[in-house]
Amino acid sequence: MQSTLIVARMDPRCRPDVARLFGEFDRTDMPDRMGTRRRELFTYQGLYFHLQDFDDEHGGDRILQARTDPRFIKISDDLKGYIEAYDPLTWRSPADAMATRFYHWEPGG
């Protein structure tokens, strides 16, 4: 399994709207198409954290392929009203907002 964590800015009052948008998106076949196993959204003091787990290390490749799907384009556009880049000067794509894992532990590993 592979995980990605996107960090951005979000007004915590927008939580219901953002959750609704992802709820609608996740009820389609898009998570399966992207290899998404799990998605979790968090907020903390104006920050937004989007944790996404994939079946395997090809999740990023599958997302790149899905980016042209009208449903992916729609949710990306809809989220622009709620989610702001952490650093607008350096943001060009979600890859510019991904945290880097520097430690991992799991039982038996």
PDB file of N, CA and C in Angstrom:
ATOM      1  N   MET A   1       0.839  -1.176   0.000  1.00  0.00           N
ATOM      2  CA  MET A   1       0.000   0.000   0.000  1.00  0.00           C
ATOM      3  C   MET A   1       0.889   1.246   0.000  1.00  0.00           C
ATOM      4  N   GLN A   2       0.439   2.279  -0.682  1.00  0.00           N
ATOM      5  CA  GLN A   2       1.127   3.566  -0.732  1.00  0.00           C
ATOM      6  C   GLN A   2       0.179   4.639  -0.224  1.00  0.00           C
ATOM      7  N   SER A   3       0.720   5.616   0.489  1.00  0.00           N
ATOM      8  CA  SER A   3      -0.089   6.727   0.999  1.00  0.00           C
ATOM      9  C   SER A   3       0.461   8.041   0.482  1.00  0.00           C
ATOM     10  N   THR A   4      -0.445   8.998   0.267  1.00  0.00           N
ATOM     11  CA  THR A   4      -0.041  10.373  -0.031  1.00  0.00           C
ATOM     12  C   THR A   4      -0.768  11.282   0.953  1.00  0.00           C
ATOM     13  N   LEU A   5      -0.129  12.380   1.281  1.00  0.00           N
ATOM     14  CA  LEU A   5      -0.721  13.370   2.176  1.00  0.00           C
ATOM     15  C   LEU A   5      -0.562  14.736   1.531  1.00  0.00           C
ATOM     16  N   ILE A   6      -1.679  15.339   1.197  1.00  0.00           N
ATOM     17  CA  ILE A   6      -1.686  16.683   0.619  1.00  0.00           C
ATOM     18  C   ILE A   6      -1.978  17.674   1.735  1.00  0.00           C
ATOM     19  N   VAL A   7      -1.204  18.744   1.787  1.00  0.00           N
ATOM     20  CA  VAL A   7      -1.364  19.787   2.796  1.00  0.00           C
ATOM     21  C   VAL A   7      -1.755  21.079   2.077  1.00  0.00           C
ATOM     22  N   ALA A   8      -2.808  21.710   2.570  1.00  0.00           N
ATOM     23  CA  ALA A   8      -3.273  22.968   1.972  1.00  0.00           C
ATOM     24  C   ALA A   8      -3.905  23.802   3.084  1.00  0.00           C
ATOM     25  N   ARG A   9      -4.586  24.859   2.691  1.00  0.00           N
ATOM     26  CA  ARG A   9      -5.274  25.719   3.651  1.00  0.00           C
ATOM     27  C   ARG A   9      -6.780  25.636   3.398  1.00  0.00           C
ATOM     28  N   MET A  10      -7.541  25.660   4.500  1.00  0.00           N
ATOM     29  CA  MET A  10      -8.992  25.591   4.382  1.00  0.00           C
ATOM     30  C   MET A  10      -9.616  26.199   5.630  1.00  0.00           C
ATOM     31  N   ASP A  11     -10.642  26.987   5.434  1.00  0.00           N
ATOM     32  CA  ASP A  11     -11.422  27.501   6.549  1.00  0.00           C
ATOM     33  C   ASP A  11     -12.184  26.318   7.138  1.00  0.00           C
ATOM     34  N   PRO A  12     -12.025  26.032   8.429  1.00  0.00           N
ATOM     35  CA  PRO A  12     -12.692  24.873   9.029  1.00  0.00           C
ATOM     36  C   PRO A  12     -14.211  24.880   8.873  1.00  0.00           C
ATOM     37  N   ARG A  13     -14.800  26.045   8.677  1.00  0.00           N
ATOM     38  CA  ARG A  13     -16.251  26.114   8.478  1.00  0.00           C
ATOM     39  C   ARG A  13     -16.686  25.460   7.171  1.00  0.00           C
ATOM     40  N   CYS A  14     -15.731  25.191   6.273  1.00  0.00           N
ATOM     41  CA  CYS A  14     -16.036  24.577   4.971  1.00  0.00           C
ATOM     42  C   CYS A  14     -16.072  23.056   5.033  1.00  0.00           C
ATOM     43  N   ARG A  15     -15.787  22.484   6.193  1.00  0.00           N
ATOM     44  CA  ARG A  15     -15.728  21.021   6.311  1.00  0.00           C
ATOM     45  C   ARG A  15     -16.955  20.317   5.737  1.00  0.00           C
ATOM     46  N   PRO A  16     -18.175  20.737   6.057  1.00  0.00           N
ATOM     47  CA  PRO A  16     -19.343  20.014   5.516  1.00  0.00           C
ATOM     48  C   PRO A  16     -19.400  20.043   3.986  1.00  0.00           C
ATOM     49  N   ASP A  17     -19.056  21.183   3.386  1.00  0.00           N
ATOM     50  CA  ASP A  17     -19.103  21.288   1.929  1.00  0.00           C
ATOM     51  C   ASP A  17     -18.037  20.416   1.269  1.00  0.00           C
ATOM     52  N   VAL A  18     -16.834  20.431   1.819  1.00  0.00           N
ATOM     53  CA  VAL A  18     -15.751  19.620   1.260  1.00  0.00           C
ATOM     54  C   VAL A  18     -16.063  18.141   1.436  1.00  0.00           C
ATOM     55  N   ALA A  19     -16.589  17.764   2.597  1.00  0.00           N
ATOM     56  CA  ALA A  19     -16.962  16.365   2.835  1.00  0.00           C
ATOM     57  C   ALA A  19     -18.054  15.924   1.862  1.00  0.00           C
ATOM     58  N   ARG A  20     -19.008  16.807   1.595  1.00  0.00           N
ATOM     59  CA  ARG A  20     -20.080  16.481   0.645  1.00  0.00           C
ATOM     60  C   ARG A  20     -19.517  16.247  -0.753  1.00  0.00           C
ATOM     61  N   LEU A  21     -18.620  17.131  -1.194  1.00  0.00           N
ATOM     62  CA  LEU A  21     -18.029  16.978  -2.532  1.00  0.00           C
ATOM     63  C   LEU A  21     -17.282  15.650  -2.649  1.00  0.00           C
ATOM     64  N   PHE A  22     -16.482  15.316  -1.644  1.00  0.00           N
ATOM     65  CA  PHE A  22     -15.762  14.045  -1.705  1.00  0.00           C
ATOM     66  C   PHE A  22     -16.714  12.860  -1.560  1.00  0.00           C
ATOM     67  N   GLY A  23     -17.765  13.006  -0.756  1.00  0.00           N
ATOM     68  CA  GLY A  23     -18.747  11.934  -0.629  1.00  0.00           C
ATOM     69  C   GLY A  23     -19.390  11.609  -1.967  1.00  0.00           C
ATOM     70  N   GLU A  24     -19.765  12.639  -2.710  1.00  0.00           N
ATOM     71  CA  GLU A  24     -20.353  12.437  -4.037  1.00  0.00           C
ATOM     72  C   GLU A  24     -19.341  11.789  -4.979  1.00  0.00           C
ATOM     73  N   PHE A  25     -18.109  12.271  -4.951  1.00  0.00           N
ATOM     74  CA  PHE A  25     -17.054  11.751  -5.819  1.00  0.00           C
ATOM     75  C   PHE A  25     -16.745  10.293  -5.486  1.00  0.00           C
ATOM     76  N   ASP A  26     -16.667   9.985  -4.195  1.00  0.00           N
ATOM     77  CA  ASP A  26     -16.285   8.637  -3.776  1.00  0.00           C
ATOM     78  C   ASP A  26     -17.398   7.609  -3.971  1.00  0.00           C
ATOM     79  N   ARG A  27     -18.621   8.065  -4.251  1.00  0.00           N
ATOM     80  CA  ARG A  27     -19.708   7.130  -4.557  1.00  0.00           C
ATOM     81  C   ARG A  27     -19.694   6.705  -6.029  1.00  0.00           C
ATOM     82  N   THR A  28     -18.796   7.282  -6.812  1.00  0.00           N
ATOM     83  CA  THR A  28     -18.657   6.885  -8.217  1.00  0.00           C
ATOM     84  C   THR A  28     -17.597   5.785  -8.313  1.00  0.00           C
ATOM     85  N   ASP A  29     -17.248   5.398  -9.524  1.00  0.00           N
ATOM     86  CA  ASP A  29     -16.192   4.403  -9.720  1.00  0.00           C
ATOM     87  C   ASP A  29     -14.800   5.035  -9.740  1.00  0.00           C
ATOM     88  N   MET A  30     -14.716   6.344  -9.508  1.00  0.00           N
ATOM     89  CA  MET A  30     -13.417   7.017  -9.582  1.00  0.00           C
ATOM     90  C   MET A  30     -12.406   6.493  -8.557  1.00  0.00           C
ATOM     91  N   PRO A  31     -12.775   6.270  -7.291  1.00  0.00           N
ATOM     92  CA  PRO A  31     -11.767   5.729  -6.372  1.00  0.00           C
ATOM     93  C   PRO A  31     -11.179   4.403  -6.869  1.00  0.00           C
ATOM     94  N   ASP A  32     -12.033   3.533  -7.378  1.00  0.00           N
ATOM     95  CA  ASP A  32     -11.550   2.255  -7.905  1.00  0.00           C
ATOM     96  C   ASP A  32     -10.650   2.474  -9.110  1.00  0.00           C
ATOM     97  N   ARG A  33     -11.043   3.388  -9.974  1.00  0.00           N
ATOM     98  CA  ARG A  33     -10.236   3.702 -11.169  1.00  0.00           C
ATOM     99  C   ARG A  33      -8.850   4.218 -10.780  1.00  0.00           C
ATOM    100  N   MET A  34      -8.776   4.961  -9.682  1.00  0.00           N
ATOM    101  CA  MET A  34      -7.508   5.530  -9.235  1.00  0.00           C
ATOM    102  C   MET A  34      -6.737   4.588  -8.306  1.00  0.00           C
ATOM    103  N   GLY A  35      -7.368   3.476  -7.911  1.00  0.00           N
ATOM    104  CA  GLY A  35      -6.709   2.560  -6.992  1.00  0.00           C
ATOM    105  C   GLY A  35      -6.764   3.025  -5.551  1.00  0.00           C
ATOM    106  N   THR A  36      -7.701   3.915  -5.246  1.00  0.00           N
ATOM    107  CA  THR A  36      -7.820   4.452  -3.895  1.00  0.00           C
ATOM    108  C   THR A  36      -8.438   3.409  -2.978  1.00  0.00           C
ATOM    109  N   ARG A  37      -7.743   3.107  -1.907  1.00  0.00           N
ATOM    110  CA  ARG A  37      -8.242   2.161  -0.902  1.00  0.00           C
ATOM    111  C   ARG A  37      -8.972   2.914   0.213  1.00  0.00           C
ATOM    112  N   ARG A  38      -8.461   4.091   0.558  1.00  0.00           N
ATOM    113  CA  ARG A  38      -9.040   4.856   1.650  1.00  0.00           C
ATOM    114  C   ARG A  38      -8.695   6.331   1.472  1.00  0.00           C
ATOM    115  N   ARG A  39      -9.626   7.188   1.895  1.00  0.00           N
ATOM    116  CA  ARG A  39      -9.392   8.630   1.890  1.00  0.00           C
ATOM    117  C   ARG A  39      -9.827   9.170   3.245  1.00  0.00           C
ATOM    118  N   GLU A  40      -9.000  10.023   3.839  1.00  0.00           N
ATOM    119  CA  GLU A  40      -9.363  10.680   5.082  1.00  0.00           C
ATOM    120  C   GLU A  40      -9.000  12.156   4.965  1.00  0.00           C
ATOM    121  N   LEU A  41      -9.878  13.010   5.462  1.00  0.00           N
ATOM    122  CA  LEU A  41      -9.656  14.449   5.426  1.00  0.00           C
ATOM    123  C   LEU A  41      -9.588  14.959   6.867  1.00  0.00           C
ATOM    124  N   PHE A  42      -8.627  15.845   7.111  1.00  0.00           N
ATOM    125  CA  PHE A  42      -8.426  16.409   8.440  1.00  0.00           C
ATOM    126  C   PHE A  42      -8.254  17.923   8.321  1.00  0.00           C
ATOM    127  N   THR A  43      -8.599  18.633   9.394  1.00  0.00           N
ATOM    128  CA  THR A  43      -8.267  20.055   9.485  1.00  0.00           C
ATOM    129  C   THR A  43      -7.597  20.295  10.825  1.00  0.00           C
ATOM    130  N   TYR A  44      -6.750  21.304  10.838  1.00  0.00           N
ATOM    131  CA  TYR A  44      -6.107  21.733  12.080  1.00  0.00           C
ATOM    132  C   TYR A  44      -5.677  23.178  11.909  1.00  0.00           C
ATOM    133  N   GLN A  45      -6.285  24.065  12.674  1.00  0.00           N
ATOM    134  CA  GLN A  45      -5.938  25.479  12.703  1.00  0.00           C
ATOM    135  C   GLN A  45      -5.753  26.079  11.297  1.00  0.00           C
ATOM    136  N   GLY A  46      -6.757  25.899  10.472  1.00  0.00           N
ATOM    137  CA  GLY A  46      -6.739  26.485   9.138  1.00  0.00           C
ATOM    138  C   GLY A  46      -5.983  25.678   8.101  1.00  0.00           C
ATOM    139  N   LEU A  47      -5.444  24.526   8.494  1.00  0.00           N
ATOM    140  CA  LEU A  47      -4.764  23.659   7.537  1.00  0.00           C
ATOM    141  C   LEU A  47      -5.685  22.506   7.161  1.00  0.00           C
ATOM    142  N   TYR A  48      -5.498  21.996   5.970  1.00  0.00           N
ATOM    143  CA  TYR A  48      -6.274  20.892   5.403  1.00  0.00           C
ATOM    144  C   TYR A  48      -5.287  19.778   5.095  1.00  0.00           C
ATOM    145  N   PHE A  49      -5.639  18.567   5.512  1.00  0.00           N
ATOM    146  CA  PHE A  49      -4.802  17.398   5.252  1.00  0.00           C
ATOM    147  C   PHE A  49      -5.662  16.348   4.549  1.00  0.00           C
ATOM    148  N   HIS A  50      -5.197  15.887   3.420  1.00  0.00           N
ATOM    149  CA  HIS A  50      -5.921  14.906   2.619  1.00  0.00           C
ATOM    150  C   HIS A  50      -5.038  13.666   2.517  1.00  0.00           C
ATOM    151  N   LEU A  51      -5.381  12.647   3.298  1.00  0.00           N
ATOM    152  CA  LEU A  51      -4.643  11.394   3.314  1.00  0.00           C
ATOM    153  C   LEU A  51      -5.339  10.404   2.394  1.00  0.00           C
ATOM    154  N   GLN A  52      -4.593   9.868   1.463  1.00  0.00           N
ATOM    155  CA  GLN A  52      -5.156   8.929   0.500  1.00  0.00           C
ATOM    156  C   GLN A  52      -4.247   7.707   0.436  1.00  0.00           C
ATOM    157  N   ASP A  53      -4.848   6.524   0.633  1.00  0.00           N
ATOM    158  CA  ASP A  53      -4.117   5.268   0.552  1.00  0.00           C
ATOM    159  C   ASP A  53      -4.482   4.569  -0.751  1.00  0.00           C
ATOM    160  N   PHE A  54      -3.461   3.988  -1.367  1.00  0.00           N
ATOM    161  CA  PHE A  54      -3.637   3.299  -2.647  1.00  0.00           C
ATOM    162  C   PHE A  54      -3.291   1.825  -2.492  1.00  0.00           C
ATOM    163  N   ASP A  55      -3.847   1.025  -3.374  1.00  0.00           N
ATOM    164  CA  ASP A  55      -3.587  -0.409  -3.354  1.00  0.00           C
ATOM    165  C   ASP A  55      -2.109  -0.724  -3.511  1.00  0.00           C
ATOM    166  N   ASP A  56      -1.430   0.067  -4.317  1.00  0.00           N
ATOM    167  CA  ASP A  56      -0.017  -0.216  -4.582  1.00  0.00           C
ATOM    168  C   ASP A  56       0.711   1.080  -4.918  1.00  0.00           C
ATOM    169  N   GLU A  57       1.959   0.975  -5.276  1.00  0.00           N
ATOM    170  CA  GLU A  57       2.780   2.155  -5.547  1.00  0.00           C
ATOM    171  C   GLU A  57       2.444   2.853  -6.864  1.00  0.00           C
ATOM    172  N   HIS A  58       1.467   2.347  -7.601  1.00  0.00           N
ATOM    173  CA  HIS A  58       1.100   2.958  -8.882  1.00  0.00           C
ATOM    174  C   HIS A  58      -0.056   3.943  -8.760  1.00  0.00           C
ATOM    175  N   GLY A  59      -0.439   4.289  -7.524  1.00  0.00           N
ATOM    176  CA  GLY A  59      -1.546   5.219  -7.315  1.00  0.00           C
ATOM    177  C   GLY A  59      -1.327   6.550  -8.005  1.00  0.00           C
ATOM    178  N   GLY A  60      -0.117   7.087  -7.908  1.00  0.00           N
ATOM    179  CA  GLY A  60       0.167   8.361  -8.558  1.00  0.00           C
ATOM    180  C   GLY A  60       0.003   8.292 -10.061  1.00  0.00           C
ATOM    181  N   ASP A  61       0.427   7.194 -10.662  1.00  0.00           N
ATOM    182  CA  ASP A  61       0.276   7.015 -12.109  1.00  0.00           C
ATOM    183  C   ASP A  61      -1.194   6.931 -12.500  1.00  0.00           C
ATOM    184  N   ARG A  62      -1.971   6.222 -11.676  1.00  0.00           N
ATOM    185  CA  ARG A  62      -3.390   6.065 -11.977  1.00  0.00           C
ATOM    186  C   ARG A  62      -4.131   7.392 -11.823  1.00  0.00           C
ATOM    187  N   ILE A  63      -3.717   8.213 -10.876  1.00  0.00           N
ATOM    188  CA  ILE A  63      -4.342   9.532 -10.728  1.00  0.00           C
ATOM    189  C   ILE A  63      -4.023  10.395 -11.947  1.00  0.00           C
ATOM    190  N   LEU A  64      -2.798  10.343 -12.409  1.00  0.00           N
ATOM    191  CA  LEU A  64      -2.439  11.111 -13.609  1.00  0.00           C
ATOM    192  C   LEU A  64      -3.335  10.728 -14.781  1.00  0.00           C
ATOM    193  N   GLN A  65      -3.621   9.447 -14.914  1.00  0.00           N
ATOM    194  CA  GLN A  65      -4.497   8.988 -15.997  1.00  0.00           C
ATOM    195  C   GLN A  65      -5.937   9.455 -15.786  1.00  0.00           C
ATOM    196  N   ALA A  66      -6.371   9.510 -14.523  1.00  0.00           N
ATOM    197  CA  ALA A  66      -7.752   9.897 -14.217  1.00  0.00           C
ATOM    198  C   ALA A  66      -7.979  11.404 -14.315  1.00  0.00           C
ATOM    199  N   ARG A  67      -6.922  12.185 -14.336  1.00  0.00           N
ATOM    200  CA  ARG A  67      -7.062  13.648 -14.314  1.00  0.00           C
ATOM    201  C   ARG A  67      -7.843  14.215 -15.487  1.00  0.00           C
ATOM    202  N   THR A  68      -7.957  13.461 -16.567  1.00  0.00           N
ATOM    203  CA  THR A  68      -8.710  13.952 -17.729  1.00  0.00           C
ATOM    204  C   THR A  68     -10.187  13.573 -17.669  1.00  0.00           C
ATOM    205  N   ASP A  69     -10.561  12.767 -16.693  1.00  0.00           N
ATOM    206  CA  ASP A  69     -11.965  12.368 -16.548  1.00  0.00           C
ATOM    207  C   ASP A  69     -12.771  13.596 -16.113  1.00  0.00           C
ATOM    208  N   PRO A  70     -13.931  13.839 -16.720  1.00  0.00           N
ATOM    209  CA  PRO A  70     -14.739  15.011 -16.363  1.00  0.00           C
ATOM    210  C   PRO A  70     -15.098  15.074 -14.873  1.00  0.00           C
ATOM    211  N   ARG A  71     -15.255  13.933 -14.212  1.00  0.00           N
ATOM    212  CA  ARG A  71     -15.582  13.928 -12.786  1.00  0.00           C
ATOM    213  C   ARG A  71     -14.399  14.407 -11.952  1.00  0.00           C
ATOM    214  N   PHE A  72     -13.186  14.046 -12.359  1.00  0.00           N
ATOM    215  CA  PHE A  72     -11.989  14.509 -11.653  1.00  0.00           C
ATOM    216  C   PHE A  72     -11.828  16.016 -11.858  1.00  0.00           C
ATOM    217  N   ILE A  73     -12.041  16.454 -13.080  1.00  0.00           N
ATOM    218  CA  ILE A  73     -11.948  17.885 -13.396  1.00  0.00           C
ATOM    219  C   ILE A  73     -12.987  18.668 -12.590  1.00  0.00           C
ATOM    220  N   LYS A  74     -14.202  18.116 -12.493  1.00  0.00           N
ATOM    221  CA  LYS A  74     -15.273  18.806 -11.765  1.00  0.00           C
ATOM    222  C   LYS A  74     -14.942  18.940 -10.285  1.00  0.00           C
ATOM    223  N   ILE A  75     -14.522  17.856  -9.633  1.00  0.00           N
ATOM    224  CA  ILE A  75     -14.239  17.985  -8.199  1.00  0.00           C
ATOM    225  C   ILE A  75     -13.058  18.914  -7.978  1.00  0.00           C
ATOM    226  N   SER A  76     -12.079  18.886  -8.847  1.00  0.00           N
ATOM    227  CA  SER A  76     -10.935  19.800  -8.707  1.00  0.00           C
ATOM    228  C   SER A  76     -11.406  21.248  -8.795  1.00  0.00           C
ATOM    229  N   ASP A  77     -12.277  21.531  -9.765  1.00  0.00           N
ATOM    230  CA  ASP A  77     -12.814  22.888  -9.908  1.00  0.00           C
ATOM    231  C   ASP A  77     -13.693  23.276  -8.717  1.00  0.00           C
ATOM    232  N   ASP A  78     -14.546  22.345  -8.271  1.00  0.00           N
ATOM    233  CA  ASP A  78     -15.438  22.630  -7.140  1.00  0.00           C
ATOM    234  C   ASP A  78     -14.661  22.900  -5.857  1.00  0.00           C
ATOM    235  N   LEU A  79     -13.556  22.189  -5.648  1.00  0.00           N
ATOM    236  CA  LEU A  79     -12.765  22.365  -4.424  1.00  0.00           C
ATOM    237  C   LEU A  79     -12.010  23.689  -4.391  1.00  0.00           C
ATOM    238  N   LYS A  80     -11.801  24.301  -5.552  1.00  0.00           N
ATOM    239  CA  LYS A  80     -11.068  25.574  -5.590  1.00  0.00           C
ATOM    240  C   LYS A  80     -11.740  26.650  -4.748  1.00  0.00           C
ATOM    241  N   GLY A  81     -13.037  26.543  -4.558  1.00  0.00           N
ATOM    242  CA  GLY A  81     -13.752  27.515  -3.733  1.00  0.00           C
ATOM    243  C   GLY A  81     -13.530  27.321  -2.241  1.00  0.00           C
ATOM    244  N   TYR A  82     -12.923  26.190  -1.868  1.00  0.00           N
ATOM    245  CA  TYR A  82     -12.753  25.863  -0.454  1.00  0.00           C
ATOM    246  C   TYR A  82     -11.298  25.633  -0.046  1.00  0.00           C
ATOM    247  N   ILE A  83     -10.517  25.062  -0.926  1.00  0.00           N
ATOM    248  CA  ILE A  83      -9.143  24.667  -0.603  1.00  0.00           C
ATOM    249  C   ILE A  83      -8.180  25.630  -1.291  1.00  0.00           C
ATOM    250  N   GLU A  84      -7.238  26.161  -0.523  1.00  0.00           N
ATOM    251  CA  GLU A  84      -6.219  27.053  -1.069  1.00  0.00           C
ATOM    252  C   GLU A  84      -4.853  26.404  -0.947  1.00  0.00           C
ATOM    253  N   ALA A  85      -3.994  26.682  -1.891  1.00  0.00           N
ATOM    254  CA  ALA A  85      -2.634  26.154  -1.838  1.00  0.00           C
ATOM    255  C   ALA A  85      -1.954  26.616  -0.555  1.00  0.00           C
ATOM    256  N   TYR A  86      -1.162  25.749   0.029  1.00  0.00           N
ATOM    257  CA  TYR A  86      -0.397  26.121   1.219  1.00  0.00           C
ATOM    258  C   TYR A  86       0.551  27.265   0.886  1.00  0.00           C
ATOM    259  N   ASP A  87       1.209  27.151  -0.257  1.00  0.00           N
ATOM    260  CA  ASP A  87       2.117  28.200  -0.724  1.00  0.00           C
ATOM    261  C   ASP A  87       1.761  28.520  -2.176  1.00  0.00           C
ATOM    262  N   PRO A  88       0.891  29.495  -2.398  1.00  0.00           N
ATOM    263  CA  PRO A  88       0.438  29.804  -3.755  1.00  0.00           C
ATOM    264  C   PRO A  88       1.567  30.161  -4.722  1.00  0.00           C
ATOM    265  N   LEU A  89       2.693  30.649  -4.221  1.00  0.00           N
ATOM    266  CA  LEU A  89       3.798  31.036  -5.107  1.00  0.00           C
ATOM    267  C   LEU A  89       4.496  29.842  -5.729  1.00  0.00           C
ATOM    268  N   THR A  90       4.437  28.679  -5.079  1.00  0.00           N
ATOM    269  CA  THR A  90       5.143  27.513  -5.611  1.00  0.00           C
ATOM    270  C   THR A  90       4.208  26.430  -6.123  1.00  0.00           C
ATOM    271  N   TRP A  91       2.896  26.582  -5.920  1.00  0.00           N
ATOM    272  CA  TRP A  91       1.952  25.525  -6.294  1.00  0.00           C
ATOM    273  C   TRP A  91       1.673  25.532  -7.794  1.00  0.00           C
ATOM    274  N   ARG A  92       1.873  24.382  -8.405  1.00  0.00           N
ATOM    275  CA  ARG A  92       1.526  24.177  -9.810  1.00  0.00           C
ATOM    276  C   ARG A  92       0.598  22.985  -9.991  1.00  0.00           C
ATOM    277  N   SER A  93       0.702  22.009  -9.081  1.00  0.00           N
ATOM    278  CA  SER A  93      -0.140  20.816  -9.128  1.00  0.00           C
ATOM    279  C   SER A  93      -0.197  20.224  -7.726  1.00  0.00           C
ATOM    280  N   PRO A  94      -1.092  19.241  -7.486  1.00  0.00           N
ATOM    281  CA  PRO A  94      -1.151  18.629  -6.154  1.00  0.00           C
ATOM    282  C   PRO A  94       0.194  18.060  -5.689  1.00  0.00           C
ATOM    283  N   ALA A  95       1.040  17.679  -6.610  1.00  0.00           N
ATOM    284  CA  ALA A  95       2.359  17.157  -6.233  1.00  0.00           C
ATOM    285  C   ALA A  95       3.165  18.195  -5.451  1.00  0.00           C
ATOM    286  N   ASP A  96       2.907  19.474  -5.684  1.00  0.00           N
ATOM    287  CA  ASP A  96       3.613  20.538  -4.977  1.00  0.00           C
ATOM    288  C   ASP A  96       3.109  20.724  -3.550  1.00  0.00           C
ATOM    289  N   ALA A  97       2.038  20.022  -3.197  1.00  0.00           N
ATOM    290  CA  ALA A  97       1.465  20.139  -1.858  1.00  0.00           C
ATOM    291  C   ALA A  97       1.585  18.832  -1.073  1.00  0.00           C
ATOM    292  N   MET A  98       2.292  17.853  -1.612  1.00  0.00           N
ATOM    293  CA  MET A  98       2.393  16.558  -0.955  1.00  0.00           C
ATOM    294  C   MET A  98       3.512  16.550   0.082  1.00  0.00           C
ATOM    295  N   ALA A  99       3.135  16.091   1.253  1.00  0.00           N
ATOM    296  CA  ALA A  99       4.115  15.942   2.325  1.00  0.00           C
ATOM    297  C   ALA A  99       5.045  14.774   1.996  1.00  0.00           C
ATOM    298  N   THR A 100       6.243  14.824   2.536  1.00  0.00           N
ATOM    299  CA  THR A 100       7.224  13.761   2.334  1.00  0.00           C
ATOM    300  C   THR A 100       7.304  12.917   3.599  1.00  0.00           C
ATOM    301  N   ARG A 101       7.054  11.625   3.450  1.00  0.00           N
ATOM    302  CA  ARG A 101       7.156  10.740   4.608  1.00  0.00           C
ATOM    303  C   ARG A 101       8.631  10.510   4.917  1.00  0.00           C
ATOM    304  N   PHE A 102       8.981  10.616   6.180  1.00  0.00           N
ATOM    305  CA  PHE A 102      10.376  10.392   6.558  1.00  0.00           C
ATOM    306  C   PHE A 102      10.508   9.301   7.614  1.00  0.00           C
ATOM    307  N   TYR A 103       9.389   8.672   8.013  1.00  0.00           N
ATOM    308  CA  TYR A 103       9.440   7.568   8.950  1.00  0.00           C
ATOM    309  C   TYR A 103       8.184   6.732   8.758  1.00  0.00           C
ATOM    310  N   HIS A 104       8.341   5.413   8.836  1.00  0.00           N
ATOM    311  CA  HIS A 104       7.210   4.508   8.716  1.00  0.00           C
ATOM    312  C   HIS A 104       7.435   3.329   9.639  1.00  0.00           C
ATOM    313  N   TRP A 105       6.380   2.907  10.333  1.00  0.00           N
ATOM    314  CA  TRP A 105       6.413   1.725  11.174  1.00  0.00           C
ATOM    315  C   TRP A 105       5.114   0.990  11.016  1.00  0.00           C
ATOM    316  N   GLU A 106       5.176  -0.330  11.033  1.00  0.00           N
ATOM    317  CA  GLU A 106       3.986  -1.161  11.112  1.00  0.00           C
ATOM    318  C   GLU A 106       4.353  -2.443  11.832  1.00  0.00           C
ATOM    319  N   PRO A 107       3.374  -3.072  12.472  1.00  0.00           N
ATOM    320  CA  PRO A 107       3.670  -4.289  13.219  1.00  0.00           C
ATOM    321  C   PRO A 107       4.256  -5.370  12.309  1.00  0.00           C
ATOM    322  N   GLY A 108       5.219  -6.086  12.826  1.00  0.00           N
ATOM    323  CA  GLY A 108       5.818  -7.171  12.053  1.00  0.00           C
ATOM    324  C   GLY A 108       6.811  -6.700  11.002  1.00  0.00           C
ATOM    325  N   GLY A 109       7.002  -5.385  10.884  1.00  0.00           N
ATOM    326  CA  GLY A 109       7.872  -4.860   9.855  1.00  0.00           C
ATOM    327  C   GLY A 109       9.144  -4.446  10.457  1.00  0.00           C
TER     328      GLY A 109
END
